[in-house]
Amino acid sequence: MAYRPSRRQTRKANEALEPNMTPIMNLMVVLIPLLLSSVELIKMSVIELNLPPNVPNQLTSTEEPELLDLALTITDEGFYISSAAAILASDDGKPSIPKKDGEYDYELLAEKLYEIKGKAGNRFEDSTSITIQAEPKINYQTLVSTMDAARSIRLDGQDVMLFPHASVSAGIL
């Protein structure tokens, strides 16, 4: 006895099946905004740095420099502050701002930078930039705290911007 073909097999074998793209499209609609929002959160937790400009030193003794070229060097002894015009140093060759009780004095650093900012004014093209150099054995937290002290100072309950564009140099020259 022969059985008749099943009714379920009504499709032809040659008929091509199209994949259902709806679940994949739904997944993309959810994933793209999620990825974009997480990228923005990651960006806010990064400290942005700029590389110092490569400017040839063509300064004669009678000309006033066009760039302030302010540099802050962190050593074991303290902070050295220098610019294209002068070096702020103590009389005995010690750092501009020595350590106080074995700790870096960030408050005095911010005050000195505020004085420099006041004297420099807006005469220089790079009046908002500072280059920070550190010895290799200086820890990262010291570098970040120095950058924070160089960016702003709190006076009379208000934050005053000092040098918000901080650049980190490769090493001590």
C-alpha atoms as a PDB file:
ATOM      1  CA  MET A   1       0.000   0.000   0.000  1.00  0.00           C
ATOM      2  CA  ALA A   2       1.334   3.346  -0.974  1.00  0.00           C
ATOM      3  CA  TYR A   3       1.023   6.338   1.240  1.00  0.00           C
ATOM      4  CA  ARG A   4       0.229   9.729  -0.145  1.00  0.00           C
ATOM      5  CA  PRO A   5       2.643  12.665   0.386  1.00  0.00           C
ATOM      6  CA  SER A   6       2.310  14.747   3.531  1.00  0.00           C
ATOM      7  CA  ARG A   7       0.472  18.030   3.330  1.00  0.00           C
ATOM      8  CA  ARG A   8       3.283  19.758   5.253  1.00  0.00           C
ATOM      9  CA  GLN A   9       5.695  19.438   2.394  1.00  0.00           C
ATOM     10  CA  THR A  10       3.935  21.851   0.154  1.00  0.00           C
ATOM     11  CA  ARG A  11       7.014  24.000  -0.590  1.00  0.00           C
ATOM     12  CA  LYS A  12       9.105  23.307  -3.571  1.00  0.00           C
ATOM     13  CA  ALA A  13      12.692  22.230  -3.034  1.00  0.00           C
ATOM     14  CA  ASN A  14      13.977  24.878  -5.435  1.00  0.00           C
ATOM     15  CA  GLU A  15      12.404  27.767  -3.534  1.00  0.00           C
ATOM     16  CA  ALA A  16      15.057  29.972  -1.858  1.00  0.00           C
ATOM     17  CA  LEU A  17      14.433  30.992   1.739  1.00  0.00           C
ATOM     18  CA  GLU A  18      15.181  34.597   2.732  1.00  0.00           C
ATOM     19  CA  PRO A  19      16.782  35.130   6.164  1.00  0.00           C
ATOM     20  CA  ASN A  20      14.716  37.012   8.710  1.00  0.00           C
ATOM     21  CA  MET A  21      16.677  40.262   9.347  1.00  0.00           C
ATOM     22  CA  THR A  22      14.249  41.739  11.877  1.00  0.00           C
ATOM     23  CA  PRO A  23      15.970  40.372  15.037  1.00  0.00           C
ATOM     24  CA  ILE A  24      19.383  41.579  13.850  1.00  0.00           C
ATOM     25  CA  MET A  25      18.003  45.038  13.043  1.00  0.00           C
ATOM     26  CA  ASN A  26      16.378  45.223  16.487  1.00  0.00           C
ATOM     27  CA  LEU A  27      19.697  44.328  18.089  1.00  0.00           C
ATOM     28  CA  MET A  28      21.495  47.100  16.175  1.00  0.00           C
ATOM     29  CA  VAL A  29      18.858  49.653  17.170  1.00  0.00           C
ATOM     30  CA  VAL A  30      19.600  48.859  20.820  1.00  0.00           C
ATOM     31  CA  LEU A  31      23.401  48.439  20.605  1.00  0.00           C
ATOM     32  CA  ILE A  32      24.335  51.597  18.676  1.00  0.00           C
ATOM     33  CA  PRO A  33      22.961  54.113  21.234  1.00  0.00           C
ATOM     34  CA  LEU A  34      24.392  52.008  24.064  1.00  0.00           C
ATOM     35  CA  LEU A  35      27.876  52.040  22.533  1.00  0.00           C
ATOM     36  CA  LEU A  36      27.728  55.752  21.749  1.00  0.00           C
ATOM     37  CA  SER A  37      26.697  56.652  25.287  1.00  0.00           C
ATOM     38  CA  SER A  38      29.441  54.500  26.841  1.00  0.00           C
ATOM     39  CA  VAL A  39      32.076  56.128  24.622  1.00  0.00           C
ATOM     40  CA  GLU A  40      31.104  59.556  25.975  1.00  0.00           C
ATOM     41  CA  LEU A  41      31.423  58.310  29.560  1.00  0.00           C
ATOM     42  CA  ILE A  42      34.879  56.926  28.864  1.00  0.00           C
ATOM     43  CA  LYS A  43      35.994  60.214  27.304  1.00  0.00           C
ATOM     44  CA  MET A  44      35.038  62.235  30.399  1.00  0.00           C
ATOM     45  CA  SER A  45      37.375  60.219  32.626  1.00  0.00           C
ATOM     46  CA  VAL A  46      40.509  60.971  30.565  1.00  0.00           C
ATOM     47  CA  ILE A  47      42.871  63.887  31.184  1.00  0.00           C
ATOM     48  CA  GLU A  48      43.545  65.498  27.843  1.00  0.00           C
ATOM     49  CA  LEU A  49      47.167  66.367  27.159  1.00  0.00           C
ATOM     50  CA  ASN A  50      48.812  68.338  24.403  1.00  0.00           C
ATOM     51  CA  LEU A  51      52.317  67.811  23.139  1.00  0.00           C
ATOM     52  CA  PRO A  52      54.526  70.872  23.456  1.00  0.00           C
ATOM     53  CA  PRO A  53      55.062  72.786  20.218  1.00  0.00           C
ATOM     54  CA  ASN A  54      58.406  72.464  18.471  1.00  0.00           C
ATOM     55  CA  VAL A  55      59.486  76.095  18.266  1.00  0.00           C
ATOM     56  CA  PRO A  56      63.065  77.000  17.371  1.00  0.00           C
ATOM     57  CA  ASN A  57      64.780  79.223  19.923  1.00  0.00           C
ATOM     58  CA  GLN A  58      65.788  82.306  17.920  1.00  0.00           C
ATOM     59  CA  LEU A  59      65.832  84.835  20.740  1.00  0.00           C
ATOM     60  CA  THR A  60      68.383  87.598  21.031  1.00  0.00           C
ATOM     61  CA  SER A  61      69.093  89.293  24.343  1.00  0.00           C
ATOM     62  CA  THR A  62      67.327  92.567  23.404  1.00  0.00           C
ATOM     63  CA  GLU A  63      64.078  91.081  22.080  1.00  0.00           C
ATOM     64  CA  GLU A  64      61.115  90.181  24.241  1.00  0.00           C
ATOM     65  CA  PRO A  65      60.046  86.577  23.555  1.00  0.00           C
ATOM     66  CA  GLU A  66      56.839  86.021  21.601  1.00  0.00           C
ATOM     67  CA  LEU A  67      56.038  82.895  23.587  1.00  0.00           C
ATOM     68  CA  LEU A  68      56.017  82.573  27.350  1.00  0.00           C
ATOM     69  CA  ASP A  69      57.073  78.921  27.034  1.00  0.00           C
ATOM     70  CA  LEU A  70      56.380  78.281  30.715  1.00  0.00           C
ATOM     71  CA  ALA A  71      57.887  75.042  32.022  1.00  0.00           C
ATOM     72  CA  LEU A  72      57.420  73.358  35.375  1.00  0.00           C
ATOM     73  CA  THR A  73      59.900  70.651  36.351  1.00  0.00           C
ATOM     74  CA  ILE A  74      59.129  68.182  39.150  1.00  0.00           C
ATOM     75  CA  THR A  75      62.145  66.722  40.970  1.00  0.00           C
ATOM     76  CA  ASP A  76      62.781  64.987  44.280  1.00  0.00           C
ATOM     77  CA  GLU A  77      63.685  68.362  45.790  1.00  0.00           C
ATOM     78  CA  GLY A  78      60.592  70.276  44.626  1.00  0.00           C
ATOM     79  CA  PHE A  79      59.367  72.357  41.684  1.00  0.00           C
ATOM     80  CA  TYR A  80      61.507  74.367  39.252  1.00  0.00           C
ATOM     81  CA  ILE A  81      59.673  77.054  37.272  1.00  0.00           C
ATOM     82  CA  SER A  82      61.167  78.523  34.101  1.00  0.00           C
ATOM     83  CA  SER A  83      60.077  80.401  30.998  1.00  0.00           C
ATOM     84  CA  ALA A  84      61.597  81.786  27.814  1.00  0.00           C
ATOM     85  CA  ALA A  85      62.319  85.041  29.646  1.00  0.00           C
ATOM     86  CA  ALA A  86      63.709  83.836  33.005  1.00  0.00           C
ATOM     87  CA  ILE A  87      64.118  81.032  35.523  1.00  0.00           C
ATOM     88  CA  LEU A  88      62.486  81.385  38.922  1.00  0.00           C
ATOM     89  CA  ALA A  89      65.075  79.972  41.318  1.00  0.00           C
ATOM     90  CA  SER A  90      66.254  80.513  44.852  1.00  0.00           C
ATOM     91  CA  ASP A  91      69.645  82.056  45.610  1.00  0.00           C
ATOM     92  CA  ASP A  92      71.359  78.800  46.584  1.00  0.00           C
ATOM     93  CA  GLY A  93      70.366  76.851  43.448  1.00  0.00           C
ATOM     94  CA  LYS A  94      67.563  74.978  45.167  1.00  0.00           C
ATOM     95  CA  PRO A  95      64.155  74.581  43.507  1.00  0.00           C
ATOM     96  CA  SER A  96      61.802  77.496  42.958  1.00  0.00           C
ATOM     97  CA  ILE A  97      59.366  75.830  45.337  1.00  0.00           C
ATOM     98  CA  PRO A  98      61.127  73.314  47.622  1.00  0.00           C
ATOM     99  CA  LYS A  99      59.326  70.497  49.386  1.00  0.00           C
ATOM    100  CA  LYS A 100      57.717  71.416  52.696  1.00  0.00           C
ATOM    101  CA  ASP A 101      58.071  68.753  55.405  1.00  0.00           C
ATOM    102  CA  GLY A 102      58.891  66.166  52.736  1.00  0.00           C
ATOM    103  CA  GLU A 103      55.701  66.895  50.741  1.00  0.00           C
ATOM    104  CA  TYR A 104      55.151  68.944  47.585  1.00  0.00           C
ATOM    105  CA  ASP A 105      53.626  72.371  48.286  1.00  0.00           C
ATOM    106  CA  TYR A 106      50.817  72.613  45.725  1.00  0.00           C
ATOM    107  CA  GLU A 107      49.267  75.711  47.334  1.00  0.00           C
ATOM    108  CA  LEU A 108      52.482  77.721  47.025  1.00  0.00           C
ATOM    109  CA  LEU A 109      52.895  76.426  43.475  1.00  0.00           C
ATOM    110  CA  ALA A 110      49.428  77.712  42.533  1.00  0.00           C
ATOM    111  CA  GLU A 111      50.200  81.089  44.167  1.00  0.00           C
ATOM    112  CA  LYS A 112      53.500  81.458  42.252  1.00  0.00           C
ATOM    113  CA  LEU A 113      51.802  80.524  38.986  1.00  0.00           C
ATOM    114  CA  TYR A 114      49.085  83.084  39.750  1.00  0.00           C
ATOM    115  CA  GLU A 115      51.793  85.743  40.169  1.00  0.00           C
ATOM    116  CA  ILE A 116      53.395  84.700  36.867  1.00  0.00           C
ATOM    117  CA  LYS A 117      50.006  84.750  35.136  1.00  0.00           C
ATOM    118  CA  GLY A 118      49.386  88.275  36.474  1.00  0.00           C
ATOM    119  CA  LYS A 119      52.763  89.541  35.280  1.00  0.00           C
ATOM    120  CA  ALA A 120      52.506  87.854  31.877  1.00  0.00           C
ATOM    121  CA  GLY A 121      48.915  88.920  31.231  1.00  0.00           C
ATOM    122  CA  ASN A 122      47.881  88.312  27.626  1.00  0.00           C
ATOM    123  CA  ARG A 123      51.116  89.535  26.033  1.00  0.00           C
ATOM    124  CA  PHE A 124      52.063  86.042  24.890  1.00  0.00           C
ATOM    125  CA  GLU A 125      50.390  83.722  22.406  1.00  0.00           C
ATOM    126  CA  ASP A 126      50.680  80.767  24.792  1.00  0.00           C
ATOM    127  CA  SER A 127      49.494  82.548  27.954  1.00  0.00           C
ATOM    128  CA  THR A 128      47.250  79.586  28.847  1.00  0.00           C
ATOM    129  CA  SER A 129      49.811  76.811  28.244  1.00  0.00           C
ATOM    130  CA  ILE A 130      52.328  75.152  30.530  1.00  0.00           C
ATOM    131  CA  THR A 131      54.756  72.296  29.925  1.00  0.00           C
ATOM    132  CA  ILE A 132      55.261  69.915  32.829  1.00  0.00           C
ATOM    133  CA  GLN A 133      58.414  67.815  33.037  1.00  0.00           C
ATOM    134  CA  ALA A 134      59.053  65.148  35.657  1.00  0.00           C
ATOM    135  CA  GLU A 135      61.919  62.956  36.702  1.00  0.00           C
ATOM    136  CA  PRO A 136      61.344  59.278  35.891  1.00  0.00           C
ATOM    137  CA  LYS A 137      60.911  58.307  39.565  1.00  0.00           C
ATOM    138  CA  ILE A 138      58.121  60.835  40.239  1.00  0.00           C
ATOM    139  CA  ASN A 139      54.851  58.975  40.792  1.00  0.00           C
ATOM    140  CA  TYR A 140      51.764  59.536  38.693  1.00  0.00           C
ATOM    141  CA  GLN A 141      49.634  61.049  41.468  1.00  0.00           C
ATOM    142  CA  THR A 142      52.221  63.801  41.979  1.00  0.00           C
ATOM    143  CA  LEU A 143      52.077  64.594  38.260  1.00  0.00           C
ATOM    144  CA  VAL A 144      48.264  64.751  38.247  1.00  0.00           C
ATOM    145  CA  SER A 145      48.163  66.896  41.417  1.00  0.00           C
ATOM    146  CA  THR A 146      50.699  69.265  39.844  1.00  0.00           C
ATOM    147  CA  MET A 147      48.554  69.538  36.709  1.00  0.00           C
ATOM    148  CA  ASP A 148      45.521  70.341  38.876  1.00  0.00           C
ATOM    149  CA  ALA A 149      47.445  73.040  40.775  1.00  0.00           C
ATOM    150  CA  ALA A 150      48.646  74.557  37.483  1.00  0.00           C
ATOM    151  CA  ARG A 151      45.162  74.695  35.953  1.00  0.00           C
ATOM    152  CA  SER A 152      43.350  76.836  38.505  1.00  0.00           C
ATOM    153  CA  ILE A 153      43.511  78.472  41.922  1.00  0.00           C
ATOM    154  CA  ARG A 154      40.673  79.178  44.361  1.00  0.00           C
ATOM    155  CA  LEU A 155      40.557  82.851  45.381  1.00  0.00           C
ATOM    156  CA  ASP A 156      37.726  84.343  47.451  1.00  0.00           C
ATOM    157  CA  GLY A 157      35.565  81.271  46.863  1.00  0.00           C
ATOM    158  CA  GLN A 158      35.919  81.402  43.068  1.00  0.00           C
ATOM    159  CA  ASP A 159      38.113  79.364  40.741  1.00  0.00           C
ATOM    160  CA  VAL A 160      40.528  81.445  38.668  1.00  0.00           C
ATOM    161  CA  MET A 161      41.971  79.776  35.566  1.00  0.00           C
ATOM    162  CA  LEU A 162      45.774  79.774  35.395  1.00  0.00           C
ATOM    163  CA  PHE A 163      47.174  77.483  32.712  1.00  0.00           C
ATOM    164  CA  PRO A 164      44.433  75.063  31.596  1.00  0.00           C
ATOM    165  CA  HIS A 165      46.386  73.679  28.614  1.00  0.00           C
ATOM    166  CA  ALA A 166      48.918  71.372  30.265  1.00  0.00           C
ATOM    167  CA  SER A 167      51.498  69.513  28.183  1.00  0.00           C
ATOM    168  CA  VAL A 168      53.644  66.713  29.537  1.00  0.00           C
ATOM    169  CA  SER A 169      57.224  66.570  28.328  1.00  0.00           C
ATOM    170  CA  ALA A 170      59.115  63.338  27.810  1.00  0.00           C
ATOM    171  CA  GLY A 171      61.873  64.098  30.276  1.00  0.00           C
ATOM    172  CA  ILE A 172      64.119  66.633  31.905  1.00  0.00           C
ATOM    173  CA  LEU A 173      66.330  68.500  29.486  1.00  0.00           C
END
